[in-house]
C-alpha atoms as a PDB file:
ATOM      1  CA  MET A   1     -33.936  -4.528  -1.296  1.00  0.00           C
ATOM      2  CA  ILE A   2     -30.363  -5.476  -1.316  1.00  0.00           C
ATOM      3  CA  GLN A   3     -28.992  -6.021   2.245  1.00  0.00           C
ATOM      4  CA  LEU A   4     -25.304  -5.344   3.112  1.00  0.00           C
ATOM      5  CA  SER A   5     -25.330  -8.946   4.697  1.00  0.00           C
ATOM      6  CA  ASP A   6     -26.188 -10.570   1.189  1.00  0.00           C
ATOM      7  CA  HIS A   7     -23.413 -12.278  -1.299  1.00  0.00           C
ATOM      8  CA  PHE A   8     -22.489  -9.630  -3.647  1.00  0.00           C
ATOM      9  CA  SER A   9     -21.890 -10.439  -7.150  1.00  0.00           C
ATOM     10  CA  TYR A  10     -20.945  -7.557  -9.803  1.00  0.00           C
ATOM     11  CA  LYS A  11     -24.706  -7.253 -10.734  1.00  0.00           C
ATOM     12  CA  HIS A  12     -25.665  -6.735  -7.185  1.00  0.00           C
ATOM     13  CA  LEU A  13     -22.427  -4.539  -6.545  1.00  0.00           C
ATOM     14  CA  ILE A  14     -23.508  -2.356  -9.370  1.00  0.00           C
ATOM     15  CA  ARG A  15     -27.242  -2.145  -8.263  1.00  0.00           C
ATOM     16  CA  PHE A  16     -26.235  -1.112  -4.838  1.00  0.00           C
ATOM     17  CA  THR A  17     -23.791   1.536  -5.677  1.00  0.00           C
ATOM     18  CA  LEU A  18     -25.333   3.242  -8.748  1.00  0.00           C
ATOM     19  CA  PRO A  19     -27.788   5.462  -6.684  1.00  0.00           C
ATOM     20  CA  SER A  20     -24.683   6.659  -4.618  1.00  0.00           C
ATOM     21  CA  ILE A  21     -22.807   7.476  -7.836  1.00  0.00           C
ATOM     22  CA  ILE A  22     -25.834   9.429  -9.284  1.00  0.00           C
ATOM     23  CA  MET A  23     -25.943  10.970  -6.071  1.00  0.00           C
ATOM     24  CA  MET A  24     -22.284  12.334  -6.214  1.00  0.00           C
ATOM     25  CA  ILE A  25     -23.115  13.348 -10.015  1.00  0.00           C
ATOM     26  CA  PHE A  26     -26.037  15.455  -8.856  1.00  0.00           C
ATOM     27  CA  THR A  27     -24.074  17.235  -5.834  1.00  0.00           C
ATOM     28  CA  SER A  28     -21.329  17.859  -8.124  1.00  0.00           C
ATOM     29  CA  ILE A  29     -23.520  20.053 -10.736  1.00  0.00           C
ATOM     30  CA  TYR A  30     -24.375  22.500  -8.104  1.00  0.00           C
ATOM     31  CA  GLY A  31     -21.710  24.862  -9.560  1.00  0.00           C
ATOM     32  CA  VAL A  32     -22.180  23.915 -12.981  1.00  0.00           C
ATOM     33  CA  VAL A  33     -25.839  25.247 -12.570  1.00  0.00           C
ATOM     34  CA  ASP A  34     -24.489  28.103 -10.721  1.00  0.00           C
ATOM     35  CA  GLY A  35     -22.263  28.881 -13.667  1.00  0.00           C
ATOM     36  CA  PHE A  36     -24.782  28.186 -16.429  1.00  0.00           C
ATOM     37  CA  PHE A  37     -27.136  31.099 -14.927  1.00  0.00           C
ATOM     38  CA  VAL A  38     -24.333  33.352 -13.839  1.00  0.00           C
ATOM     39  CA  SER A  39     -22.278  33.395 -17.079  1.00  0.00           C
ATOM     40  CA  ASN A  40     -25.724  33.822 -18.907  1.00  0.00           C
ATOM     41  CA  PHE A  41     -27.301  36.295 -16.492  1.00  0.00           C
ATOM     42  CA  THR A  42     -24.712  38.082 -14.795  1.00  0.00           C
ATOM     43  CA  GLY A  43     -21.314  38.412 -16.446  1.00  0.00           C
ATOM     44  CA  LYS A  44     -18.015  36.417 -17.495  1.00  0.00           C
ATOM     45  CA  THR A  45     -15.999  38.049 -14.321  1.00  0.00           C
ATOM     46  CA  GLU A  46     -19.109  36.574 -12.023  1.00  0.00           C
ATOM     47  CA  PHE A  47     -18.562  33.311 -13.743  1.00  0.00           C
ATOM     48  CA  ALA A  48     -15.118  33.167 -13.611  1.00  0.00           C
ATOM     49  CA  ALA A  49     -15.578  33.710  -9.651  1.00  0.00           C
ATOM     50  CA  VAL A  50     -17.726  30.567  -9.265  1.00  0.00           C
ATOM     51  CA  ASN A  51     -15.254  28.537 -10.917  1.00  0.00           C
ATOM     52  CA  PHE A  52     -12.329  30.033  -8.695  1.00  0.00           C
ATOM     53  CA  VAL A  53     -14.235  29.409  -5.569  1.00  0.00           C
ATOM     54  CA  TYR A  54     -15.788  26.074  -6.171  1.00  0.00           C
ATOM     55  CA  PRO A  55     -12.604  23.806  -5.620  1.00  0.00           C
ATOM     56  CA  LEU A  56     -11.878  25.405  -2.196  1.00  0.00           C
ATOM     57  CA  LEU A  57     -15.540  24.713  -1.001  1.00  0.00           C
ATOM     58  CA  MET A  58     -15.226  21.242  -2.158  1.00  0.00           C
ATOM     59  CA  ILE A  59     -12.026  20.781  -0.495  1.00  0.00           C
ATOM     60  CA  LEU A  60     -13.428  22.154   2.983  1.00  0.00           C
ATOM     61  CA  GLY A  61     -16.746  19.855   2.095  1.00  0.00           C
ATOM     62  CA  CYS A  62     -15.185  16.771   1.555  1.00  0.00           C
ATOM     63  CA  VAL A  63     -14.666  16.163   5.362  1.00  0.00           C
ATOM     64  CA  GLY A  64     -18.189  15.075   5.333  1.00  0.00           C
ATOM     65  CA  PHE A  65     -17.366  12.159   3.288  1.00  0.00           C
ATOM     66  CA  MET A  66     -14.555  11.128   5.558  1.00  0.00           C
ATOM     67  CA  PHE A  67     -17.052  10.931   8.412  1.00  0.00           C
ATOM     68  CA  GLY A  68     -19.364   9.097   6.238  1.00  0.00           C
ATOM     69  CA  THR A  69     -17.241   6.620   4.929  1.00  0.00           C
ATOM     70  CA  GLY A  70     -15.293   5.833   8.159  1.00  0.00           C
ATOM     71  CA  GLY A  71     -18.313   6.329  10.210  1.00  0.00           C
ATOM     72  CA  GLY A  72     -20.228   3.920   8.124  1.00  0.00           C
ATOM     73  CA  ALA A  73     -17.980   1.171   8.578  1.00  0.00           C
ATOM     74  CA  LEU A  74     -17.975   1.620  12.380  1.00  0.00           C
ATOM     75  CA  ILE A  75     -21.769   1.548  12.261  1.00  0.00           C
ATOM     76  CA  ALA A  76     -21.797  -1.235   9.973  1.00  0.00           C
ATOM     77  CA  ILE A  77     -19.492  -3.514  12.016  1.00  0.00           C
ATOM     78  CA  THR A  78     -21.296  -2.424  15.362  1.00  0.00           C
ATOM     79  CA  VAL A  79     -24.786  -3.640  13.597  1.00  0.00           C
ATOM     80  CA  GLY A  80     -23.195  -6.704  12.636  1.00  0.00           C
ATOM     81  CA  MET A  81     -22.133  -7.439  16.123  1.00  0.00           C
ATOM     82  CA  GLY A  82     -25.677  -7.032  17.416  1.00  0.00           C
ATOM     83  CA  ASN A  83     -25.365  -3.887  19.054  1.00  0.00           C
ATOM     84  CA  ARG A  84     -27.762  -1.483  17.455  1.00  0.00           C
ATOM     85  CA  LYS A  85     -28.020   0.752  20.426  1.00  0.00           C
ATOM     86  CA  LYS A  86     -24.044   1.499  20.098  1.00  0.00           C
ATOM     87  CA  ALA A  87     -24.571   2.053  16.454  1.00  0.00           C
ATOM     88  CA  ASN A  88     -27.287   4.617  17.164  1.00  0.00           C
ATOM     89  CA  GLU A  89     -24.681   6.230  19.396  1.00  0.00           C
ATOM     90  CA  ILE A  90     -21.974   6.325  17.031  1.00  0.00           C
ATOM     91  CA  PHE A  91     -24.472   7.833  14.250  1.00  0.00           C
ATOM     92  CA  SER A  92     -25.318  10.714  16.879  1.00  0.00           C
ATOM     93  CA  LEU A  93     -21.496  11.293  17.473  1.00  0.00           C
ATOM     94  CA  LEU A  94     -20.654  11.489  14.001  1.00  0.00           C
ATOM     95  CA  VAL A  95     -23.543  14.282  13.397  1.00  0.00           C
ATOM     96  CA  TYR A  96     -22.571  16.529  16.076  1.00  0.00           C
ATOM     97  CA  ALA A  97     -18.944  16.013  15.382  1.00  0.00           C
ATOM     98  CA  SER A  98     -19.417  16.746  11.626  1.00  0.00           C
ATOM     99  CA  MET A  99     -21.363  19.765  12.465  1.00  0.00           C
ATOM    100  CA  VAL A 100     -18.766  21.285  14.847  1.00  0.00           C
ATOM    101  CA  CYS A 101     -16.169  20.657  12.305  1.00  0.00           C
ATOM    102  CA  GLY A 102     -18.303  22.220   9.588  1.00  0.00           C
ATOM    103  CA  VAL A 103     -18.738  25.314  11.492  1.00  0.00           C
ATOM    104  CA  ALA A 104     -15.064  25.498  12.207  1.00  0.00           C
ATOM    105  CA  LEU A 105     -14.177  24.880   8.545  1.00  0.00           C
ATOM    106  CA  ALA A 106     -16.537  27.777   7.872  1.00  0.00           C
ATOM    107  CA  VAL A 107     -14.701  30.113  10.056  1.00  0.00           C
ATOM    108  CA  LEU A 108     -11.342  28.759   8.559  1.00  0.00           C
ATOM    109  CA  GLY A 109     -12.501  29.226   5.129  1.00  0.00           C
ATOM    110  CA  MET A 110     -13.861  32.680   5.751  1.00  0.00           C
ATOM    111  CA  LEU A 111     -10.354  33.423   6.836  1.00  0.00           C
ATOM    112  CA  ILE A 112      -8.508  31.947   4.307  1.00  0.00           C
ATOM    113  CA  LEU A 113     -10.788  32.921   1.394  1.00  0.00           C
ATOM    114  CA  GLU A 114      -9.366  36.036   0.083  1.00  0.00           C
ATOM    115  CA  PRO A 115      -5.642  34.967   0.414  1.00  0.00           C
ATOM    116  CA  VAL A 116      -6.148  31.721  -1.449  1.00  0.00           C
ATOM    117  CA  MET A 117      -8.241  33.502  -4.257  1.00  0.00           C
ATOM    118  CA  THR A 118      -5.008  35.775  -4.419  1.00  0.00           C
ATOM    119  CA  LEU A 119      -2.782  33.267  -4.600  1.00  0.00           C
ATOM    120  CA  MET A 120      -4.679  31.511  -7.539  1.00  0.00           C
ATOM    121  CA  GLY A 121      -4.578  34.487  -9.344  1.00  0.00           C
ATOM    122  CA  ALA A 122      -7.804  36.707  -8.845  1.00  0.00           C
ATOM    123  CA  GLN A 123      -7.214  40.475  -8.647  1.00  0.00           C
ATOM    124  CA  GLY A 124      -9.519  43.192  -8.383  1.00  0.00           C
ATOM    125  CA  GLU A 125     -12.983  43.062  -9.187  1.00  0.00           C
ATOM    126  CA  MET A 126     -12.708  39.268  -9.795  1.00  0.00           C
ATOM    127  CA  ARG A 127     -11.127  38.793  -6.309  1.00  0.00           C
ATOM    128  CA  ALA A 128     -13.959  40.692  -4.784  1.00  0.00           C
ATOM    129  CA  ALA A 129     -16.637  38.640  -6.627  1.00  0.00           C
ATOM    130  CA  CYS A 130     -14.854  35.408  -5.305  1.00  0.00           C
ATOM    131  CA  VAL A 131     -15.092  36.457  -1.812  1.00  0.00           C
ATOM    132  CA  PHE A 132     -18.573  37.702  -2.158  1.00  0.00           C
ATOM    133  CA  TYR A 133     -19.842  34.615  -3.459  1.00  0.00           C
ATOM    134  CA  GLY A 134     -17.616  32.135  -1.387  1.00  0.00           C
ATOM    135  CA  ARG A 135     -18.505  33.975   1.939  1.00  0.00           C
ATOM    136  CA  ILE A 136     -22.467  33.321   1.195  1.00  0.00           C
ATOM    137  CA  ILE A 137     -21.599  29.779   0.118  1.00  0.00           C
ATOM    138  CA  LEU A 138     -19.374  29.198   3.383  1.00  0.00           C
ATOM    139  CA  CYS A 139     -22.239  29.904   5.524  1.00  0.00           C
ATOM    140  CA  ALA A 140     -23.662  27.065   4.375  1.00  0.00           C
ATOM    141  CA  LEU A 141     -20.616  24.691   4.374  1.00  0.00           C
ATOM    142  CA  PRO A 142     -21.699  22.901   7.792  1.00  0.00           C
ATOM    143  CA  PHE A 143     -25.086  21.469   5.561  1.00  0.00           C
ATOM    144  CA  PHE A 144     -22.714  20.493   2.943  1.00  0.00           C
ATOM    145  CA  VAL A 145     -20.533  18.607   4.963  1.00  0.00           C
ATOM    146  CA  LEU A 146     -23.745  16.906   6.768  1.00  0.00           C
ATOM    147  CA  GLN A 147     -25.197  16.431   2.860  1.00  0.00           C
ATOM    148  CA  TYR A 148     -21.879  14.538   1.769  1.00  0.00           C
ATOM    149  CA  GLU A 149     -21.797  12.758   5.090  1.00  0.00           C
ATOM    150  CA  PHE A 150     -25.473  11.304   4.815  1.00  0.00           C
ATOM    151  CA  GLN A 151     -25.018  10.254   1.026  1.00  0.00           C
ATOM    152  CA  CYS A 152     -22.553   7.701   2.725  1.00  0.00           C
ATOM    153  CA  LEU A 153     -24.480   6.937   5.480  1.00  0.00           C
ATOM    154  CA  PHE A 154     -27.977   6.126   3.568  1.00  0.00           C
ATOM    155  CA  ALA A 155     -25.610   3.207   2.010  1.00  0.00           C
ATOM    156  CA  THR A 156     -24.847   1.886   5.332  1.00  0.00           C
ATOM    157  CA  ALA A 157     -28.557   2.247   6.506  1.00  0.00           C
ATOM    158  CA  GLU A 158     -29.434   0.164   2.997  1.00  0.00           C
ATOM    159  CA  LYS A 159     -31.349   3.103   1.566  1.00  0.00           C
ATOM    160  CA  PRO A 160     -29.402   4.292  -1.219  1.00  0.00           C
ATOM    161  CA  LYS A 161     -32.572   4.941  -3.369  1.00  0.00           C
ATOM    162  CA  LEU A 162     -34.023   7.196  -0.975  1.00  0.00           C
ATOM    163  CA  GLY A 163     -30.765   9.157  -0.602  1.00  0.00           C
ATOM    164  CA  LEU A 164     -30.850   9.514  -4.628  1.00  0.00           C
ATOM    165  CA  TYR A 165     -34.557  10.655  -4.818  1.00  0.00           C
ATOM    166  CA  VAL A 166     -33.679  13.194  -1.905  1.00  0.00           C
ATOM    167  CA  THR A 167     -30.474  14.468  -3.709  1.00  0.00           C
ATOM    168  CA  VAL A 168     -32.171  14.923  -6.936  1.00  0.00           C
ATOM    169  CA  ALA A 169     -35.106  16.599  -5.506  1.00  0.00           C
ATOM    170  CA  ALA A 170     -32.419  18.947  -3.813  1.00  0.00           C
ATOM    171  CA  GLY A 171     -30.507  19.523  -7.479  1.00  0.00           C
ATOM    172  CA  VAL A 172     -33.808  20.308  -9.037  1.00  0.00           C
ATOM    173  CA  THR A 173     -34.492  22.701  -6.213  1.00  0.00           C
ATOM    174  CA  ASN A 174     -31.039  24.530  -6.831  1.00  0.00           C
ATOM    175  CA  MET A 175     -32.070  24.779 -10.456  1.00  0.00           C
ATOM    176  CA  VAL A 176     -35.483  26.198  -9.985  1.00  0.00           C
ATOM    177  CA  LEU A 177     -34.072  28.616  -7.147  1.00  0.00           C
ATOM    178  CA  ASP A 178     -31.365  29.528  -9.499  1.00  0.00           C
ATOM    179  CA  GLY A 179     -33.521  30.434 -12.487  1.00  0.00           C
ATOM    180  CA  LEU A 180     -35.703  32.610 -10.340  1.00  0.00           C
ATOM    181  CA  PHE A 181     -33.042  34.456  -8.143  1.00  0.00           C
ATOM    182  CA  VAL A 182     -30.533  34.975 -10.831  1.00  0.00           C
ATOM    183  CA  ALA A 183     -32.646  34.949 -13.958  1.00  0.00           C
ATOM    184  CA  VAL A 184     -35.817  36.349 -13.161  1.00  0.00           C
ATOM    185  CA  LEU A 185     -35.047  38.696  -9.861  1.00  0.00           C
ATOM    186  CA  SER A 186     -31.492  39.382 -11.199  1.00  0.00           C
ATOM    187  CA  TRP A 187     -29.593  38.894  -7.740  1.00  0.00           C
ATOM    188  CA  GLY A 188     -26.449  37.923  -9.583  1.00  0.00           C
ATOM    189  CA  LEU A 189     -23.762  36.323  -7.445  1.00  0.00           C
ATOM    190  CA  ALA A 190     -25.837  36.435  -4.319  1.00  0.00           C
ATOM    191  CA  GLY A 191     -28.694  34.723  -6.015  1.00  0.00           C
ATOM    192  CA  ALA A 192     -26.468  31.958  -7.200  1.00  0.00           C
ATOM    193  CA  ALA A 193     -25.067  31.519  -3.857  1.00  0.00           C
ATOM    194  CA  ALA A 194     -28.375  31.661  -1.932  1.00  0.00           C
ATOM    195  CA  ALA A 195     -29.943  29.128  -4.332  1.00  0.00           C
ATOM    196  CA  THR A 196     -27.188  26.540  -3.521  1.00  0.00           C
ATOM    197  CA  ALA A 197     -27.137  27.066   0.123  1.00  0.00           C
ATOM    198  CA  LEU A 198     -30.631  26.700   0.336  1.00  0.00           C
ATOM    199  CA  ALA A 199     -30.965  23.666  -1.798  1.00  0.00           C
ATOM    200  CA  SER A 200     -28.006  22.172   0.649  1.00  0.00           C
ATOM    201  CA  LEU A 201     -29.916  23.151   3.695  1.00  0.00           C
ATOM    202  CA  TRP A 202     -33.354  21.147   2.260  1.00  0.00           C
ATOM    203  CA  GLU A 203     -31.746  18.359   1.396  1.00  0.00           C
ATOM    204  CA  VAL A 204     -30.057  18.086   5.029  1.00  0.00           C
ATOM    205  CA  SER A 205     -33.377  18.816   6.638  1.00  0.00           C
ATOM    206  CA  SER A 206     -35.359  16.280   4.626  1.00  0.00           C
ATOM    207  CA  ARG A 207     -33.217  13.655   5.678  1.00  0.00           C
END
């Protein structure tokens, strides 16, 4: 196992960061998976709606990376100083603060979703689809924030591989649920959004 206190050569750095890179890739394909099933089993308007909404969701959710990278640095410094109790307190504060921030951003997203979609050019049926899909996903935004945050904190805890295994499992869960909700049960956009939200919830709870 590679530790943060080790001397990092290029080889060590790649080995340590590769799980985090793969985690980022799997997190990013949630929208791709939704788009695949929606485009094949629901329709082109709904597929366009998924692609319109996802950038806004990523912008709102990426605050989790802010908490994870900045907070991870604080935790690492505190642990390095030998004060693990203080490091645990910082971790708890980060989780609580990011949860509150996630709820606030979800509410904000609900308020600005329709105006932003209109500004991006969505009209009529497509705008309605964007709002419908986006609002379901926004209900799970606090879990997306925590998911992104924990990806960074797993590296700080010197357990990037564990974070990778959980993220891959959540990605597979999203694919399976998309297939069930959209392809089998024909729930359309609601099924795609529910699959992504449930996969994110499962990933956070398993950490």
